[in-house]
Amino acid sequence: MKPQVLIVENTRTMRETLRLLLSGEFDCAVAESGEEGLERMTTQPPDLLLSDVNMDGMDGYELCRRVRLAPQFQHIRIAFLSGYPPRLGEPLVSQPDIYLMKPVKPPDLIARLHALVGQDLRVPVSTLGLSGEG
């Protein structure tokens, strides 16, 4: 059985690119905003939330905070994928399990997400910047 991932991304092209890229390894659902993502999670909680950071309305940090504080979502692993560096000073409850910087090679992204859903314990927040060079 494939792990379930919810992709929350406000850019349609990126959302669909990620869905197509990950669909061979994960059961993918998509949402175009933090609000829609949170609503979708209440009916179909994923194993993994892959979220953009900079979105109108509820951004990735607020979405992460709400997921972390909801008892029914405690099992969900959270990854941010962004073209911007992590914000300094965000509370721990708003931090993802991993923060990936674009550009990320597809095999590296898939491997990192599989590693994340395979972990039983919360790991410290880490930042990984993967470039297109090998």
C-alpha atoms as a PDB file:
ATOM      1  CA  MET A   1       0.000   0.000   0.000  1.00  0.00           C
ATOM      2  CA  LYS A   2       1.399   3.397  -0.996  1.00  0.00           C
ATOM      3  CA  PRO A   3       1.759   6.147   1.603  1.00  0.00           C
ATOM      4  CA  GLN A   4      -0.816   8.910   1.234  1.00  0.00           C
ATOM      5  CA  VAL A   5       0.497  12.417   0.605  1.00  0.00           C
ATOM      6  CA  LEU A   6      -1.430  15.658   0.526  1.00  0.00           C
ATOM      7  CA  ILE A   7       0.221  18.303  -1.664  1.00  0.00           C
ATOM      8  CA  VAL A   8      -0.728  21.851  -0.681  1.00  0.00           C
ATOM      9  CA  GLU A   9       0.541  24.261  -3.311  1.00  0.00           C
ATOM     10  CA  ASN A  10      -1.060  27.466  -4.563  1.00  0.00           C
ATOM     11  CA  THR A  11       0.587  27.396  -8.004  1.00  0.00           C
ATOM     12  CA  ARG A  12      -1.388  25.118 -10.318  1.00  0.00           C
ATOM     13  CA  THR A  13       1.608  24.145 -12.454  1.00  0.00           C
ATOM     14  CA  MET A  14       3.747  23.201  -9.464  1.00  0.00           C
ATOM     15  CA  ARG A  15       0.851  21.383  -7.776  1.00  0.00           C
ATOM     16  CA  GLU A  16       0.251  19.230 -10.858  1.00  0.00           C
ATOM     17  CA  THR A  17       3.974  18.674 -11.449  1.00  0.00           C
ATOM     18  CA  LEU A  18       4.384  17.382  -7.901  1.00  0.00           C
ATOM     19  CA  ARG A  19       1.279  15.204  -8.190  1.00  0.00           C
ATOM     20  CA  LEU A  20       2.530  13.619 -11.414  1.00  0.00           C
ATOM     21  CA  LEU A  21       6.066  13.215 -10.069  1.00  0.00           C
ATOM     22  CA  LEU A  22       4.981  11.575  -6.813  1.00  0.00           C
ATOM     23  CA  SER A  23       2.012   9.514  -8.031  1.00  0.00           C
ATOM     24  CA  GLY A  24       4.169   6.500  -8.895  1.00  0.00           C
ATOM     25  CA  GLU A  25       5.326   6.195  -5.278  1.00  0.00           C
ATOM     26  CA  PHE A  26       2.507   7.805  -3.275  1.00  0.00           C
ATOM     27  CA  ASP A  27      -1.280   8.080  -3.327  1.00  0.00           C
ATOM     28  CA  CYS A  28      -1.578  11.810  -3.977  1.00  0.00           C
ATOM     29  CA  ALA A  29      -4.284  14.302  -3.159  1.00  0.00           C
ATOM     30  CA  VAL A  30      -3.942  18.023  -3.840  1.00  0.00           C
ATOM     31  CA  ALA A  31      -5.181  21.278  -2.368  1.00  0.00           C
ATOM     32  CA  GLU A  32      -4.578  24.803  -3.636  1.00  0.00           C
ATOM     33  CA  SER A  33      -4.579  26.567  -0.263  1.00  0.00           C
ATOM     34  CA  GLY A  34      -3.858  25.954   3.393  1.00  0.00           C
ATOM     35  CA  GLU A  35      -7.558  26.230   4.179  1.00  0.00           C
ATOM     36  CA  GLU A  36      -8.481  23.642   1.552  1.00  0.00           C
ATOM     37  CA  GLY A  37      -5.670  21.371   2.725  1.00  0.00           C
ATOM     38  CA  LEU A  38      -6.842  21.483   6.328  1.00  0.00           C
ATOM     39  CA  GLU A  39     -10.413  20.773   5.263  1.00  0.00           C
ATOM     40  CA  ARG A  40      -9.310  17.832   3.110  1.00  0.00           C
ATOM     41  CA  MET A  41      -7.289  16.394   6.021  1.00  0.00           C
ATOM     42  CA  THR A  42     -10.371  16.234   8.231  1.00  0.00           C
ATOM     43  CA  THR A  43     -12.032  13.788   5.820  1.00  0.00           C
ATOM     44  CA  GLN A  44      -8.911  12.008   4.516  1.00  0.00           C
ATOM     45  CA  PRO A  45      -5.908  12.367   6.846  1.00  0.00           C
ATOM     46  CA  PRO A  46      -2.717  11.682   4.855  1.00  0.00           C
ATOM     47  CA  ASP A  47       0.481  10.066   6.074  1.00  0.00           C
ATOM     48  CA  LEU A  48       2.442  13.065   4.817  1.00  0.00           C
ATOM     49  CA  LEU A  49       1.711  16.732   4.177  1.00  0.00           C
ATOM     50  CA  LEU A  50       3.899  18.342   1.499  1.00  0.00           C
ATOM     51  CA  SER A  51       3.262  22.070   1.607  1.00  0.00           C
ATOM     52  CA  ASP A  52       4.447  25.249   0.001  1.00  0.00           C
ATOM     53  CA  VAL A  53       5.351  27.954   2.501  1.00  0.00           C
ATOM     54  CA  ASN A  54       4.277  31.214   0.876  1.00  0.00           C
ATOM     55  CA  MET A  55       0.557  31.073   0.148  1.00  0.00           C
ATOM     56  CA  ASP A  56      -2.193  33.660   0.420  1.00  0.00           C
ATOM     57  CA  GLY A  57      -4.431  33.288   3.445  1.00  0.00           C
ATOM     58  CA  MET A  58      -3.145  30.435   5.586  1.00  0.00           C
ATOM     59  CA  ASP A  59       0.558  30.000   4.823  1.00  0.00           C
ATOM     60  CA  GLY A  60       2.541  26.796   5.330  1.00  0.00           C
ATOM     61  CA  TYR A  61       3.660  27.707   8.856  1.00  0.00           C
ATOM     62  CA  GLU A  62       0.094  28.320  10.025  1.00  0.00           C
ATOM     63  CA  LEU A  63      -1.073  25.110   8.345  1.00  0.00           C
ATOM     64  CA  CYS A  64       1.744  23.230  10.082  1.00  0.00           C
ATOM     65  CA  ARG A  65       0.810  24.774  13.450  1.00  0.00           C
ATOM     66  CA  ARG A  66      -2.828  23.755  13.086  1.00  0.00           C
ATOM     67  CA  VAL A  67      -1.916  20.201  12.091  1.00  0.00           C
ATOM     68  CA  ARG A  68       0.530  19.849  15.000  1.00  0.00           C
ATOM     69  CA  LEU A  69      -2.051  21.082  17.529  1.00  0.00           C
ATOM     70  CA  ALA A  70      -4.879  18.792  16.345  1.00  0.00           C
ATOM     71  CA  PRO A  71      -4.832  15.432  18.189  1.00  0.00           C
ATOM     72  CA  GLN A  72      -6.320  13.588  15.192  1.00  0.00           C
ATOM     73  CA  PHE A  73      -3.358  14.667  13.018  1.00  0.00           C
ATOM     74  CA  GLN A  74      -0.492  13.696  15.345  1.00  0.00           C
ATOM     75  CA  HIS A  75       0.632  10.911  12.987  1.00  0.00           C
ATOM     76  CA  ILE A  76       1.048  13.208   9.971  1.00  0.00           C
ATOM     77  CA  ARG A  77       4.601  13.980   8.902  1.00  0.00           C
ATOM     78  CA  ILE A  78       5.161  17.440   7.436  1.00  0.00           C
ATOM     79  CA  ALA A  79       7.558  18.574   4.709  1.00  0.00           C
ATOM     80  CA  PHE A  80       7.912  22.065   3.289  1.00  0.00           C
ATOM     81  CA  LEU A  81       9.111  22.586  -0.285  1.00  0.00           C
ATOM     82  CA  SER A  82       9.965  26.196  -0.989  1.00  0.00           C
ATOM     83  CA  GLY A  83      12.137  28.476  -3.057  1.00  0.00           C
ATOM     84  CA  TYR A  84      12.669  30.626   0.042  1.00  0.00           C
ATOM     85  CA  PRO A  85      14.829  29.873   3.086  1.00  0.00           C
ATOM     86  CA  PRO A  86      13.163  28.988   6.393  1.00  0.00           C
ATOM     87  CA  ARG A  87      11.839  31.902   8.437  1.00  0.00           C
ATOM     88  CA  LEU A  88      13.810  32.547  11.567  1.00  0.00           C
ATOM     89  CA  GLY A  89      11.880  32.867  14.790  1.00  0.00           C
ATOM     90  CA  GLU A  90       8.922  30.645  13.916  1.00  0.00           C
ATOM     91  CA  PRO A  91       7.749  28.636  16.955  1.00  0.00           C
ATOM     92  CA  LEU A  92       8.645  24.943  17.068  1.00  0.00           C
ATOM     93  CA  VAL A  93       4.970  23.970  16.698  1.00  0.00           C
ATOM     94  CA  SER A  94       4.997  25.685  13.274  1.00  0.00           C
ATOM     95  CA  GLN A  95       8.113  23.888  12.016  1.00  0.00           C
ATOM     96  CA  PRO A  96       7.980  20.988   9.542  1.00  0.00           C
ATOM     97  CA  ASP A  97       9.815  17.701   9.968  1.00  0.00           C
ATOM     98  CA  ILE A  98      11.938  18.636   6.947  1.00  0.00           C
ATOM     99  CA  TYR A  99      12.367  21.821   4.943  1.00  0.00           C
ATOM    100  CA  LEU A 100      13.418  21.277   1.347  1.00  0.00           C
ATOM    101  CA  MET A 101      14.731  24.114  -0.803  1.00  0.00           C
ATOM    102  CA  LYS A 102      14.021  24.255  -4.537  1.00  0.00           C
ATOM    103  CA  PRO A 103      15.376  23.095  -6.864  1.00  0.00           C
ATOM    104  CA  VAL A 104      15.225  19.482  -5.729  1.00  0.00           C
ATOM    105  CA  LYS A 105      16.097  16.543  -7.937  1.00  0.00           C
ATOM    106  CA  PRO A 106      13.024  14.283  -8.262  1.00  0.00           C
ATOM    107  CA  PRO A 107      14.783  11.114  -7.003  1.00  0.00           C
ATOM    108  CA  ASP A 108      16.082  13.040  -3.980  1.00  0.00           C
ATOM    109  CA  LEU A 109      12.614  14.416  -3.198  1.00  0.00           C
ATOM    110  CA  ILE A 110      11.030  10.979  -3.432  1.00  0.00           C
ATOM    111  CA  ALA A 111      13.742   9.403  -1.266  1.00  0.00           C
ATOM    112  CA  ARG A 112      13.430  12.105   1.405  1.00  0.00           C
ATOM    113  CA  LEU A 113       9.634  11.741   1.530  1.00  0.00           C
ATOM    114  CA  HIS A 114       9.856   7.942   1.787  1.00  0.00           C
ATOM    115  CA  ALA A 115      12.395   8.299   4.593  1.00  0.00           C
ATOM    116  CA  LEU A 116      10.120  10.736   6.365  1.00  0.00           C
ATOM    117  CA  VAL A 117       7.019   8.527   6.288  1.00  0.00           C
ATOM    118  CA  GLY A 118       9.132   5.552   7.347  1.00  0.00           C
ATOM    119  CA  GLN A 119      10.205   7.206  10.604  1.00  0.00           C
ATOM    120  CA  ASP A 120       8.367   6.334  13.783  1.00  0.00           C
ATOM    121  CA  LEU A 121       9.674   9.165  15.956  1.00  0.00           C
ATOM    122  CA  ARG A 122       9.710  12.888  15.346  1.00  0.00           C
ATOM    123  CA  VAL A 123      13.097  14.015  14.154  1.00  0.00           C
ATOM    124  CA  PRO A 124      14.617  17.427  14.686  1.00  0.00           C
ATOM    125  CA  VAL A 125      13.775  20.023  12.095  1.00  0.00           C
ATOM    126  CA  SER A 126      16.378  19.913   9.365  1.00  0.00           C
ATOM    127  CA  THR A 127      17.026  22.064   6.371  1.00  0.00           C
ATOM    128  CA  LEU A 128      18.131  20.496   3.150  1.00  0.00           C
ATOM    129  CA  GLY A 129      18.976  22.494   0.078  1.00  0.00           C
ATOM    130  CA  LEU A 130      19.322  20.271  -2.942  1.00  0.00           C
ATOM    131  CA  SER A 131      20.520  21.771  -6.165  1.00  0.00           C
ATOM    132  CA  GLY A 132      20.285  20.445  -9.649  1.00  0.00           C
ATOM    133  CA  GLU A 133      23.958  19.467  -9.495  1.00  0.00           C
ATOM    134  CA  GLY A 134      24.987  16.076  -8.472  1.00  0.00           C
END
